[in-house]
Amino acid sequence: MVHRLIYIAQHRPDMEAQARKAIAGAQHPASVIVMTVHRFRRNLFFYYECDGISIEPDALFPGLIPYLEPVPCGEEPRHFAQMMDIFHYHVPGETSTWRKDNAGEPWPRLVYLKPDMYASYIFYHWQLQEEQPGNGPKYGVIAAHENLLYFYLERPFVQETTDYPGKLATKNTPGGWGPLMDQHFIPWTGVADDQKYWREDLELLFNARHQFG
Protein backbone atom coordinates (compact mmCIF):
# COMPACT_ATOMS: atom_id res chain seq x y z
CA MET A 1 0.00 0.00 0.00
CA VAL A 2 1.24 3.46 -0.90
CA HIS A 3 1.06 6.22 1.73
CA ARG A 4 0.99 9.86 0.61
CA LEU A 5 2.42 12.33 3.13
CA ILE A 6 2.52 16.13 3.05
CA TYR A 7 4.30 18.27 5.66
CA ILE A 8 5.03 21.95 6.14
CA ALA A 9 8.00 23.47 7.95
CA GLN A 10 9.60 26.90 8.21
CA HIS A 11 13.31 27.63 8.09
CA ARG A 12 14.81 30.20 10.45
CA PRO A 13 15.19 33.72 8.98
CA ASP A 14 18.97 33.62 8.96
CA MET A 15 19.32 29.95 7.98
CA GLU A 16 18.14 29.86 4.37
CA ALA A 17 21.49 28.83 2.88
CA GLN A 18 22.00 26.09 5.46
CA ALA A 19 18.46 24.78 4.96
CA ARG A 20 18.93 24.64 1.20
CA LYS A 21 22.16 22.68 1.57
CA ALA A 22 20.62 20.21 4.02
CA ILE A 23 17.67 19.59 1.72
CA ALA A 24 19.87 19.15 -1.35
CA GLY A 25 21.92 16.54 0.49
CA ALA A 26 18.95 14.46 1.67
CA GLN A 27 18.99 10.73 1.07
CA HIS A 28 16.31 9.00 -1.00
CA PRO A 29 15.43 5.65 0.67
CA ALA A 30 14.28 2.75 -1.48
CA SER A 31 10.88 2.72 0.24
CA VAL A 32 10.14 6.34 -0.73
CA ILE A 33 8.75 6.31 -4.26
CA VAL A 34 8.51 10.04 -4.92
CA MET A 35 10.05 12.79 -2.79
CA THR A 36 9.79 16.54 -3.42
CA VAL A 37 10.46 19.73 -1.47
CA HIS A 38 9.24 23.19 -2.49
CA ARG A 39 9.85 26.57 -0.90
CA PHE A 40 7.63 29.64 -0.72
CA ARG A 41 9.19 32.49 1.26
CA ARG A 42 10.28 30.73 4.47
CA ASN A 43 7.76 27.92 4.19
CA LEU A 44 8.95 24.50 3.09
CA PHE A 45 6.53 21.94 1.67
CA PHE A 46 7.38 18.24 1.67
CA TYR A 47 5.42 15.81 -0.51
CA TYR A 48 6.44 12.17 -0.61
CA GLU A 49 5.03 8.70 -1.14
CA CYS A 50 6.07 5.68 0.92
CA ASP A 51 5.70 2.07 -0.12
CA GLY A 52 4.42 -0.10 2.72
CA ILE A 53 5.21 1.99 5.79
CA SER A 54 5.03 5.69 6.60
CA ILE A 55 8.32 7.45 7.32
CA GLU A 56 8.49 10.61 9.42
CA PRO A 57 10.15 13.61 7.75
CA ASP A 58 12.57 13.85 10.69
CA ALA A 59 14.08 10.58 9.44
CA LEU A 60 14.31 11.77 5.83
CA PHE A 61 15.78 15.21 6.60
CA PRO A 62 17.66 14.90 9.92
CA GLY A 63 20.29 17.44 8.86
CA LEU A 64 17.62 20.06 8.29
CA ILE A 65 16.18 20.17 11.80
CA PRO A 66 18.72 22.64 13.34
CA TYR A 67 17.71 25.21 10.72
CA LEU A 68 13.95 24.99 11.28
CA GLU A 69 11.70 26.90 13.62
CA PRO A 70 9.82 24.58 15.99
CA VAL A 71 6.05 24.31 15.66
CA PRO A 72 4.14 24.45 18.98
CA CYS A 73 2.47 21.13 19.72
CA GLY A 74 1.54 20.11 23.24
CA GLU A 75 4.53 19.48 25.48
CA GLU A 76 6.92 18.44 22.73
CA PRO A 77 7.86 20.97 20.03
CA ARG A 78 8.11 19.58 16.51
CA HIS A 79 9.72 20.88 13.36
CA PHE A 80 7.37 19.41 10.76
CA ALA A 81 3.58 19.82 10.82
CA GLN A 82 1.57 17.31 8.84
CA MET A 83 -0.88 18.86 6.40
CA MET A 84 -4.29 17.21 6.32
CA ASP A 85 -5.58 15.62 3.11
CA ILE A 86 -8.93 17.37 2.53
CA PHE A 87 -9.38 16.31 -1.10
CA HIS A 88 -7.93 13.84 -3.57
CA TYR A 89 -8.94 12.51 -6.97
CA HIS A 90 -7.57 8.99 -6.43
CA VAL A 91 -6.77 6.70 -3.52
CA PRO A 92 -3.46 4.90 -4.09
CA GLY A 93 -3.30 1.14 -4.03
CA GLU A 94 -0.29 -1.02 -4.74
CA THR A 95 2.88 0.50 -6.18
CA SER A 96 2.53 -1.45 -9.43
CA THR A 97 -0.79 0.21 -10.22
CA TRP A 98 -0.19 3.61 -8.60
CA ARG A 99 3.08 4.47 -10.37
CA LYS A 100 3.74 2.84 -13.72
CA ASP A 101 6.43 5.09 -15.20
CA ASN A 102 8.71 8.02 -14.46
CA ALA A 103 6.70 10.68 -16.25
CA GLY A 104 5.46 13.65 -14.31
CA GLU A 105 6.89 16.84 -12.87
CA PRO A 106 5.57 18.31 -9.59
CA TRP A 107 3.38 21.36 -9.98
CA PRO A 108 2.21 22.58 -6.55
CA ARG A 109 0.07 25.64 -5.88
CA LEU A 110 -0.94 27.64 -2.79
CA VAL A 111 -4.04 29.51 -1.71
CA TYR A 112 -5.50 30.91 1.53
CA LEU A 113 -9.08 30.11 2.51
CA LYS A 114 -11.38 32.65 4.11
CA PRO A 115 -11.74 31.28 7.67
CA ASP A 116 -15.53 31.57 7.59
CA MET A 117 -15.65 29.56 4.33
CA TYR A 118 -13.48 26.68 5.53
CA ALA A 119 -16.32 24.24 6.25
CA SER A 120 -18.05 25.10 2.98
CA TYR A 121 -14.89 24.38 0.98
CA ILE A 122 -14.37 21.00 2.62
CA PHE A 123 -18.05 20.09 2.23
CA TYR A 124 -18.09 20.77 -1.50
CA HIS A 125 -14.81 18.94 -2.06
CA TRP A 126 -15.74 15.87 -0.04
CA GLN A 127 -19.01 15.70 -1.96
CA LEU A 128 -17.15 15.91 -5.30
CA GLN A 129 -14.56 13.38 -4.16
CA GLU A 130 -17.15 10.79 -3.17
CA GLU A 131 -19.68 11.41 -5.95
CA GLN A 132 -17.11 11.46 -8.74
CA PRO A 133 -13.97 9.55 -7.68
CA GLY A 134 -11.21 9.81 -10.26
CA ASN A 135 -12.72 12.90 -11.91
CA GLY A 136 -9.42 14.76 -12.29
CA PRO A 137 -5.63 14.39 -12.48
CA LYS A 138 -4.64 11.13 -10.78
CA TYR A 139 -1.99 12.59 -8.47
CA GLY A 140 -3.91 15.72 -7.49
CA VAL A 141 -4.35 16.15 -3.73
CA ILE A 142 -5.21 19.20 -1.61
CA ALA A 143 -3.79 19.41 1.90
CA ALA A 144 -4.45 22.02 4.59
CA HIS A 145 -2.48 23.63 7.41
CA GLU A 146 -4.75 26.05 9.24
CA ASN A 147 -6.30 28.02 6.35
CA LEU A 148 -3.39 27.54 3.94
CA LEU A 149 -4.03 25.02 1.16
CA TYR A 150 -1.31 23.18 -0.75
CA PHE A 151 -2.47 21.61 -4.02
CA TYR A 152 -0.03 18.99 -5.28
CA LEU A 153 -0.30 18.09 -8.96
CA GLU A 154 1.95 16.55 -11.57
CA ARG A 155 2.24 17.49 -15.23
CA PRO A 156 1.46 16.11 -17.72
CA PHE A 157 -1.82 15.12 -16.09
CA VAL A 158 -2.64 11.42 -15.84
CA GLN A 159 -6.35 10.67 -16.25
CA GLU A 160 -7.57 7.25 -15.10
CA THR A 161 -10.82 5.77 -13.95
CA THR A 162 -10.91 4.37 -10.43
CA ASP A 163 -11.49 0.74 -9.54
CA TYR A 164 -13.50 1.62 -6.43
CA PRO A 165 -16.84 3.37 -5.88
CA GLY A 166 -17.33 6.64 -4.04
CA LYS A 167 -19.10 6.78 -0.70
CA LEU A 168 -22.01 8.80 -2.07
CA ALA A 169 -24.67 7.72 -4.58
CA THR A 170 -25.99 11.26 -4.92
CA LYS A 171 -25.36 13.75 -7.75
CA ASN A 172 -25.38 17.06 -5.90
CA THR A 173 -22.02 18.53 -6.93
CA PRO A 174 -22.91 21.92 -8.42
CA GLY A 175 -21.87 23.31 -11.78
CA GLY A 176 -19.94 26.55 -12.16
CA TRP A 177 -17.19 25.07 -10.02
CA GLY A 178 -14.51 27.72 -10.65
CA PRO A 179 -16.52 30.82 -9.69
CA LEU A 180 -18.04 28.95 -6.75
CA MET A 181 -14.61 28.04 -5.37
CA ASP A 182 -13.19 31.54 -5.96
CA GLN A 183 -15.64 32.85 -3.38
CA HIS A 184 -13.78 30.80 -0.74
CA PHE A 185 -10.32 32.29 -1.30
CA ILE A 186 -8.39 35.25 0.05
CA PRO A 187 -6.80 36.94 -2.99
CA TRP A 188 -3.07 37.56 -3.10
CA THR A 189 -1.99 41.16 -3.65
CA GLY A 190 0.57 42.45 -6.10
CA VAL A 191 0.33 39.44 -8.43
CA ALA A 192 -0.87 38.80 -11.97
CA ASP A 193 -4.56 38.06 -12.45
CA ASP A 194 -3.88 34.38 -13.17
CA GLN A 195 -2.12 34.10 -9.78
CA LYS A 196 -4.82 35.99 -7.88
CA TYR A 197 -5.90 32.92 -5.92
CA TRP A 198 -3.70 29.90 -6.67
CA ARG A 199 -0.02 30.85 -6.66
CA GLU A 200 2.34 28.71 -8.70
CA ASP A 201 5.67 30.44 -8.02
CA LEU A 202 7.03 27.92 -5.53
CA GLU A 203 10.72 27.09 -5.81
CA LEU A 204 11.66 23.44 -6.31
CA LEU A 205 14.48 22.46 -3.92
CA PHE A 206 14.42 18.66 -4.18
CA ASN A 207 12.83 16.19 -6.59
CA ALA A 208 13.60 12.49 -6.77
CA ARG A 209 11.75 9.35 -7.76
CA HIS A 210 12.67 5.74 -8.19
CA GLN A 211 12.82 4.17 -11.62
CA PHE A 212 9.83 2.14 -12.75
CA GLY A 213 9.50 -0.55 -15.36
C-alpha atoms as a PDB file:
ATOM      1  CA  MET A   1       0.000   0.000   0.000  1.00  0.00           C
ATOM      2  CA  VAL A   2       1.243   3.465  -0.901  1.00  0.00           C
ATOM      3  CA  HIS A   3       1.057   6.220   1.734  1.00  0.00           C
ATOM      4  CA  ARG A   4       0.993   9.862   0.610  1.00  0.00           C
ATOM      5  CA  LEU A   5       2.420  12.335   3.128  1.00  0.00           C
ATOM      6  CA  ILE A   6       2.525  16.128   3.054  1.00  0.00           C
ATOM      7  CA  TYR A   7       4.295  18.273   5.656  1.00  0.00           C
ATOM      8  CA  ILE A   8       5.033  21.948   6.139  1.00  0.00           C
ATOM      9  CA  ALA A   9       8.003  23.469   7.953  1.00  0.00           C
ATOM     10  CA  GLN A  10       9.601  26.904   8.209  1.00  0.00           C
ATOM     11  CA  HIS A  11      13.307  27.633   8.093  1.00  0.00           C
ATOM     12  CA  ARG A  12      14.812  30.204  10.445  1.00  0.00           C
ATOM     13  CA  PRO A  13      15.185  33.720   8.976  1.00  0.00           C
ATOM     14  CA  ASP A  14      18.971  33.620   8.958  1.00  0.00           C
ATOM     15  CA  MET A  15      19.319  29.953   7.984  1.00  0.00           C
ATOM     16  CA  GLU A  16      18.138  29.857   4.367  1.00  0.00           C
ATOM     17  CA  ALA A  17      21.487  28.832   2.877  1.00  0.00           C
ATOM     18  CA  GLN A  18      22.003  26.088   5.457  1.00  0.00           C
ATOM     19  CA  ALA A  19      18.464  24.785   4.957  1.00  0.00           C
ATOM     20  CA  ARG A  20      18.933  24.640   1.200  1.00  0.00           C
ATOM     21  CA  LYS A  21      22.161  22.682   1.572  1.00  0.00           C
ATOM     22  CA  ALA A  22      20.624  20.215   4.024  1.00  0.00           C
ATOM     23  CA  ILE A  23      17.675  19.589   1.716  1.00  0.00           C
ATOM     24  CA  ALA A  24      19.872  19.147  -1.352  1.00  0.00           C
ATOM     25  CA  GLY A  25      21.923  16.540   0.495  1.00  0.00           C
ATOM     26  CA  ALA A  26      18.952  14.463   1.667  1.00  0.00           C
ATOM     27  CA  GLN A  27      18.991  10.730   1.067  1.00  0.00           C
ATOM     28  CA  HIS A  28      16.310   8.995  -1.003  1.00  0.00           C
ATOM     29  CA  PRO A  29      15.426   5.654   0.667  1.00  0.00           C
ATOM     30  CA  ALA A  30      14.277   2.753  -1.475  1.00  0.00           C
ATOM     31  CA  SER A  31      10.879   2.718   0.243  1.00  0.00           C
ATOM     32  CA  VAL A  32      10.140   6.335  -0.734  1.00  0.00           C
ATOM     33  CA  ILE A  33       8.747   6.309  -4.262  1.00  0.00           C
ATOM     34  CA  VAL A  34       8.510  10.040  -4.923  1.00  0.00           C
ATOM     35  CA  MET A  35      10.045  12.793  -2.792  1.00  0.00           C
ATOM     36  CA  THR A  36       9.785  16.535  -3.415  1.00  0.00           C
ATOM     37  CA  VAL A  37      10.456  19.732  -1.466  1.00  0.00           C
ATOM     38  CA  HIS A  38       9.240  23.193  -2.488  1.00  0.00           C
ATOM     39  CA  ARG A  39       9.853  26.575  -0.901  1.00  0.00           C
ATOM     40  CA  PHE A  40       7.633  29.643  -0.724  1.00  0.00           C
ATOM     41  CA  ARG A  41       9.186  32.486   1.257  1.00  0.00           C
ATOM     42  CA  ARG A  42      10.281  30.727   4.469  1.00  0.00           C
ATOM     43  CA  ASN A  43       7.760  27.916   4.195  1.00  0.00           C
ATOM     44  CA  LEU A  44       8.948  24.496   3.092  1.00  0.00           C
ATOM     45  CA  PHE A  45       6.530  21.938   1.666  1.00  0.00           C
ATOM     46  CA  PHE A  46       7.378  18.238   1.667  1.00  0.00           C
ATOM     47  CA  TYR A  47       5.415  15.807  -0.511  1.00  0.00           C
ATOM     48  CA  TYR A  48       6.435  12.170  -0.614  1.00  0.00           C
ATOM     49  CA  GLU A  49       5.030   8.697  -1.140  1.00  0.00           C
ATOM     50  CA  CYS A  50       6.065   5.683   0.923  1.00  0.00           C
ATOM     51  CA  ASP A  51       5.696   2.068  -0.119  1.00  0.00           C
ATOM     52  CA  GLY A  52       4.424  -0.103   2.719  1.00  0.00           C
ATOM     53  CA  ILE A  53       5.211   1.992   5.788  1.00  0.00           C
ATOM     54  CA  SER A  54       5.031   5.688   6.598  1.00  0.00           C
ATOM     55  CA  ILE A  55       8.318   7.454   7.323  1.00  0.00           C
ATOM     56  CA  GLU A  56       8.487  10.612   9.419  1.00  0.00           C
ATOM     57  CA  PRO A  57      10.151  13.614   7.754  1.00  0.00           C
ATOM     58  CA  ASP A  58      12.574  13.852  10.689  1.00  0.00           C
ATOM     59  CA  ALA A  59      14.077  10.584   9.436  1.00  0.00           C
ATOM     60  CA  LEU A  60      14.309  11.773   5.832  1.00  0.00           C
ATOM     61  CA  PHE A  61      15.777  15.205   6.604  1.00  0.00           C
ATOM     62  CA  PRO A  62      17.664  14.900   9.917  1.00  0.00           C
ATOM     63  CA  GLY A  63      20.294  17.437   8.861  1.00  0.00           C
ATOM     64  CA  LEU A  64      17.618  20.060   8.290  1.00  0.00           C
ATOM     65  CA  ILE A  65      16.180  20.174  11.802  1.00  0.00           C
ATOM     66  CA  PRO A  66      18.723  22.643  13.336  1.00  0.00           C
ATOM     67  CA  TYR A  67      17.710  25.210  10.717  1.00  0.00           C
ATOM     68  CA  LEU A  68      13.952  24.986  11.282  1.00  0.00           C
ATOM     69  CA  GLU A  69      11.705  26.898  13.623  1.00  0.00           C
ATOM     70  CA  PRO A  70       9.818  24.584  15.989  1.00  0.00           C
ATOM     71  CA  VAL A  71       6.045  24.312  15.663  1.00  0.00           C
ATOM     72  CA  PRO A  72       4.140  24.455  18.983  1.00  0.00           C
ATOM     73  CA  CYS A  73       2.467  21.133  19.716  1.00  0.00           C
ATOM     74  CA  GLY A  74       1.544  20.108  23.244  1.00  0.00           C
ATOM     75  CA  GLU A  75       4.530  19.475  25.482  1.00  0.00           C
ATOM     76  CA  GLU A  76       6.921  18.438  22.730  1.00  0.00           C
ATOM     77  CA  PRO A  77       7.860  20.968  20.035  1.00  0.00           C
ATOM     78  CA  ARG A  78       8.109  19.581  16.514  1.00  0.00           C
ATOM     79  CA  HIS A  79       9.721  20.879  13.359  1.00  0.00           C
ATOM     80  CA  PHE A  80       7.374  19.413  10.755  1.00  0.00           C
ATOM     81  CA  ALA A  81       3.580  19.825  10.822  1.00  0.00           C
ATOM     82  CA  GLN A  82       1.568  17.308   8.845  1.00  0.00           C
ATOM     83  CA  MET A  83      -0.881  18.861   6.402  1.00  0.00           C
ATOM     84  CA  MET A  84      -4.292  17.212   6.316  1.00  0.00           C
ATOM     85  CA  ASP A  85      -5.584  15.621   3.114  1.00  0.00           C
ATOM     86  CA  ILE A  86      -8.927  17.368   2.529  1.00  0.00           C
ATOM     87  CA  PHE A  87      -9.385  16.311  -1.101  1.00  0.00           C
ATOM     88  CA  HIS A  88      -7.928  13.837  -3.566  1.00  0.00           C
ATOM     89  CA  TYR A  89      -8.945  12.506  -6.969  1.00  0.00           C
ATOM     90  CA  HIS A  90      -7.574   8.988  -6.434  1.00  0.00           C
ATOM     91  CA  VAL A  91      -6.774   6.705  -3.515  1.00  0.00           C
ATOM     92  CA  PRO A  92      -3.465   4.901  -4.087  1.00  0.00           C
ATOM     93  CA  GLY A  93      -3.301   1.141  -4.034  1.00  0.00           C
ATOM     94  CA  GLU A  94      -0.289  -1.019  -4.737  1.00  0.00           C
ATOM     95  CA  THR A  95       2.877   0.501  -6.185  1.00  0.00           C
ATOM     96  CA  SER A  96       2.527  -1.451  -9.429  1.00  0.00           C
ATOM     97  CA  THR A  97      -0.794   0.211 -10.218  1.00  0.00           C
ATOM     98  CA  TRP A  98      -0.188   3.607  -8.604  1.00  0.00           C
ATOM     99  CA  ARG A  99       3.083   4.465 -10.366  1.00  0.00           C
ATOM    100  CA  LYS A 100       3.739   2.839 -13.724  1.00  0.00           C
ATOM    101  CA  ASP A 101       6.432   5.089 -15.200  1.00  0.00           C
ATOM    102  CA  ASN A 102       8.713   8.025 -14.465  1.00  0.00           C
ATOM    103  CA  ALA A 103       6.696  10.682 -16.250  1.00  0.00           C
ATOM    104  CA  GLY A 104       5.464  13.647 -14.307  1.00  0.00           C
ATOM    105  CA  GLU A 105       6.886  16.842 -12.866  1.00  0.00           C
ATOM    106  CA  PRO A 106       5.574  18.306  -9.592  1.00  0.00           C
ATOM    107  CA  TRP A 107       3.378  21.363  -9.979  1.00  0.00           C
ATOM    108  CA  PRO A 108       2.214  22.582  -6.549  1.00  0.00           C
ATOM    109  CA  ARG A 109       0.071  25.640  -5.879  1.00  0.00           C
ATOM    110  CA  LEU A 110      -0.939  27.639  -2.788  1.00  0.00           C
ATOM    111  CA  VAL A 111      -4.044  29.510  -1.706  1.00  0.00           C
ATOM    112  CA  TYR A 112      -5.499  30.905   1.531  1.00  0.00           C
ATOM    113  CA  LEU A 113      -9.080  30.106   2.509  1.00  0.00           C
ATOM    114  CA  LYS A 114     -11.377  32.646   4.109  1.00  0.00           C
ATOM    115  CA  PRO A 115     -11.739  31.277   7.667  1.00  0.00           C
ATOM    116  CA  ASP A 116     -15.531  31.572   7.595  1.00  0.00           C
ATOM    117  CA  MET A 117     -15.647  29.561   4.334  1.00  0.00           C
ATOM    118  CA  TYR A 118     -13.479  26.678   5.535  1.00  0.00           C
ATOM    119  CA  ALA A 119     -16.320  24.239   6.247  1.00  0.00           C
ATOM    120  CA  SER A 120     -18.048  25.099   2.978  1.00  0.00           C
ATOM    121  CA  TYR A 121     -14.894  24.385   0.976  1.00  0.00           C
ATOM    122  CA  ILE A 122     -14.372  20.996   2.616  1.00  0.00           C
ATOM    123  CA  PHE A 123     -18.047  20.091   2.232  1.00  0.00           C
ATOM    124  CA  TYR A 124     -18.085  20.768  -1.501  1.00  0.00           C
ATOM    125  CA  HIS A 125     -14.810  18.942  -2.056  1.00  0.00           C
ATOM    126  CA  TRP A 126     -15.743  15.866  -0.044  1.00  0.00           C
ATOM    127  CA  GLN A 127     -19.007  15.702  -1.963  1.00  0.00           C
ATOM    128  CA  LEU A 128     -17.154  15.915  -5.304  1.00  0.00           C
ATOM    129  CA  GLN A 129     -14.558  13.385  -4.161  1.00  0.00           C
ATOM    130  CA  GLU A 130     -17.152  10.791  -3.167  1.00  0.00           C
ATOM    131  CA  GLU A 131     -19.685  11.414  -5.947  1.00  0.00           C
ATOM    132  CA  GLN A 132     -17.109  11.458  -8.738  1.00  0.00           C
ATOM    133  CA  PRO A 133     -13.969   9.551  -7.684  1.00  0.00           C
ATOM    134  CA  GLY A 134     -11.213   9.811 -10.263  1.00  0.00           C
ATOM    135  CA  ASN A 135     -12.716  12.902 -11.913  1.00  0.00           C
ATOM    136  CA  GLY A 136      -9.421  14.763 -12.288  1.00  0.00           C
ATOM    137  CA  PRO A 137      -5.629  14.395 -12.477  1.00  0.00           C
ATOM    138  CA  LYS A 138      -4.636  11.133 -10.782  1.00  0.00           C
ATOM    139  CA  TYR A 139      -1.991  12.588  -8.470  1.00  0.00           C
ATOM    140  CA  GLY A 140      -3.913  15.721  -7.490  1.00  0.00           C
ATOM    141  CA  VAL A 141      -4.347  16.153  -3.728  1.00  0.00           C
ATOM    142  CA  ILE A 142      -5.208  19.203  -1.610  1.00  0.00           C
ATOM    143  CA  ALA A 143      -3.793  19.411   1.905  1.00  0.00           C
ATOM    144  CA  ALA A 144      -4.453  22.025   4.588  1.00  0.00           C
ATOM    145  CA  HIS A 145      -2.482  23.628   7.415  1.00  0.00           C
ATOM    146  CA  GLU A 146      -4.748  26.046   9.242  1.00  0.00           C
ATOM    147  CA  ASN A 147      -6.303  28.022   6.351  1.00  0.00           C
ATOM    148  CA  LEU A 148      -3.391  27.538   3.942  1.00  0.00           C
ATOM    149  CA  LEU A 149      -4.034  25.018   1.157  1.00  0.00           C
ATOM    150  CA  TYR A 150      -1.312  23.178  -0.752  1.00  0.00           C
ATOM    151  CA  PHE A 151      -2.472  21.611  -4.018  1.00  0.00           C
ATOM    152  CA  TYR A 152      -0.027  18.986  -5.285  1.00  0.00           C
ATOM    153  CA  LEU A 153      -0.305  18.089  -8.958  1.00  0.00           C
ATOM    154  CA  GLU A 154       1.954  16.548 -11.572  1.00  0.00           C
ATOM    155  CA  ARG A 155       2.239  17.491 -15.230  1.00  0.00           C
ATOM    156  CA  PRO A 156       1.460  16.115 -17.717  1.00  0.00           C
ATOM    157  CA  PHE A 157      -1.819  15.116 -16.094  1.00  0.00           C
ATOM    158  CA  VAL A 158      -2.643  11.424 -15.836  1.00  0.00           C
ATOM    159  CA  GLN A 159      -6.351  10.675 -16.248  1.00  0.00           C
ATOM    160  CA  GLU A 160      -7.566   7.253 -15.098  1.00  0.00           C
ATOM    161  CA  THR A 161     -10.821   5.769 -13.951  1.00  0.00           C
ATOM    162  CA  THR A 162     -10.905   4.374 -10.431  1.00  0.00           C
ATOM    163  CA  ASP A 163     -11.486   0.740  -9.535  1.00  0.00           C
ATOM    164  CA  TYR A 164     -13.503   1.620  -6.426  1.00  0.00           C
ATOM    165  CA  PRO A 165     -16.838   3.371  -5.883  1.00  0.00           C
ATOM    166  CA  GLY A 166     -17.327   6.636  -4.042  1.00  0.00           C
ATOM    167  CA  LYS A 167     -19.103   6.777  -0.697  1.00  0.00           C
ATOM    168  CA  LEU A 168     -22.010   8.803  -2.071  1.00  0.00           C
ATOM    169  CA  ALA A 169     -24.666   7.716  -4.580  1.00  0.00           C
ATOM    170  CA  THR A 170     -25.990  11.261  -4.921  1.00  0.00           C
ATOM    171  CA  LYS A 171     -25.363  13.754  -7.747  1.00  0.00           C
ATOM    172  CA  ASN A 172     -25.377  17.061  -5.896  1.00  0.00           C
ATOM    173  CA  THR A 173     -22.015  18.532  -6.931  1.00  0.00           C
ATOM    174  CA  PRO A 174     -22.906  21.924  -8.421  1.00  0.00           C
ATOM    175  CA  GLY A 175     -21.866  23.307 -11.775  1.00  0.00           C
ATOM    176  CA  GLY A 176     -19.944  26.552 -12.164  1.00  0.00           C
ATOM    177  CA  TRP A 177     -17.188  25.071 -10.019  1.00  0.00           C
ATOM    178  CA  GLY A 178     -14.515  27.719 -10.648  1.00  0.00           C
ATOM    179  CA  PRO A 179     -16.524  30.816  -9.694  1.00  0.00           C
ATOM    180  CA  LEU A 180     -18.040  28.946  -6.751  1.00  0.00           C
ATOM    181  CA  MET A 181     -14.606  28.041  -5.372  1.00  0.00           C
ATOM    182  CA  ASP A 182     -13.186  31.541  -5.960  1.00  0.00           C
ATOM    183  CA  GLN A 183     -15.641  32.846  -3.376  1.00  0.00           C
ATOM    184  CA  HIS A 184     -13.783  30.801  -0.743  1.00  0.00           C
ATOM    185  CA  PHE A 185     -10.319  32.293  -1.301  1.00  0.00           C
ATOM    186  CA  ILE A 186      -8.393  35.253   0.055  1.00  0.00           C
ATOM    187  CA  PRO A 187      -6.802  36.943  -2.991  1.00  0.00           C
ATOM    188  CA  TRP A 188      -3.074  37.557  -3.101  1.00  0.00           C
ATOM    189  CA  THR A 189      -1.994  41.155  -3.650  1.00  0.00           C
ATOM    190  CA  GLY A 190       0.574  42.454  -6.104  1.00  0.00           C
ATOM    191  CA  VAL A 191       0.334  39.440  -8.433  1.00  0.00           C
ATOM    192  CA  ALA A 192      -0.869  38.804 -11.973  1.00  0.00           C
ATOM    193  CA  ASP A 193      -4.558  38.060 -12.453  1.00  0.00           C
ATOM    194  CA  ASP A 194      -3.877  34.384 -13.175  1.00  0.00           C
ATOM    195  CA  GLN A 195      -2.123  34.103  -9.779  1.00  0.00           C
ATOM    196  CA  LYS A 196      -4.817  35.988  -7.879  1.00  0.00           C
ATOM    197  CA  TYR A 197      -5.895  32.922  -5.915  1.00  0.00           C
ATOM    198  CA  TRP A 198      -3.702  29.897  -6.667  1.00  0.00           C
ATOM    199  CA  ARG A 199      -0.022  30.851  -6.663  1.00  0.00           C
ATOM    200  CA  GLU A 200       2.342  28.708  -8.697  1.00  0.00           C
ATOM    201  CA  ASP A 201       5.666  30.440  -8.019  1.00  0.00           C
ATOM    202  CA  LEU A 202       7.026  27.923  -5.531  1.00  0.00           C
ATOM    203  CA  GLU A 203      10.717  27.087  -5.813  1.00  0.00           C
ATOM    204  CA  LEU A 204      11.658  23.443  -6.314  1.00  0.00           C
ATOM    205  CA  LEU A 205      14.482  22.457  -3.925  1.00  0.00           C
ATOM    206  CA  PHE A 206      14.418  18.664  -4.183  1.00  0.00           C
ATOM    207  CA  ASN A 207      12.833  16.192  -6.585  1.00  0.00           C
ATOM    208  CA  ALA A 208      13.598  12.491  -6.773  1.00  0.00           C
ATOM    209  CA  ARG A 209      11.754   9.350  -7.761  1.00  0.00           C
ATOM    210  CA  HIS A 210      12.668   5.737  -8.190  1.00  0.00           C
ATOM    211  CA  GLN A 211      12.817   4.169 -11.623  1.00  0.00           C
ATOM    212  CA  PHE A 212       9.833   2.136 -12.747  1.00  0.00           C
ATOM    213  CA  GLY A 213       9.503  -0.545 -15.357  1.00  0.00           C
END
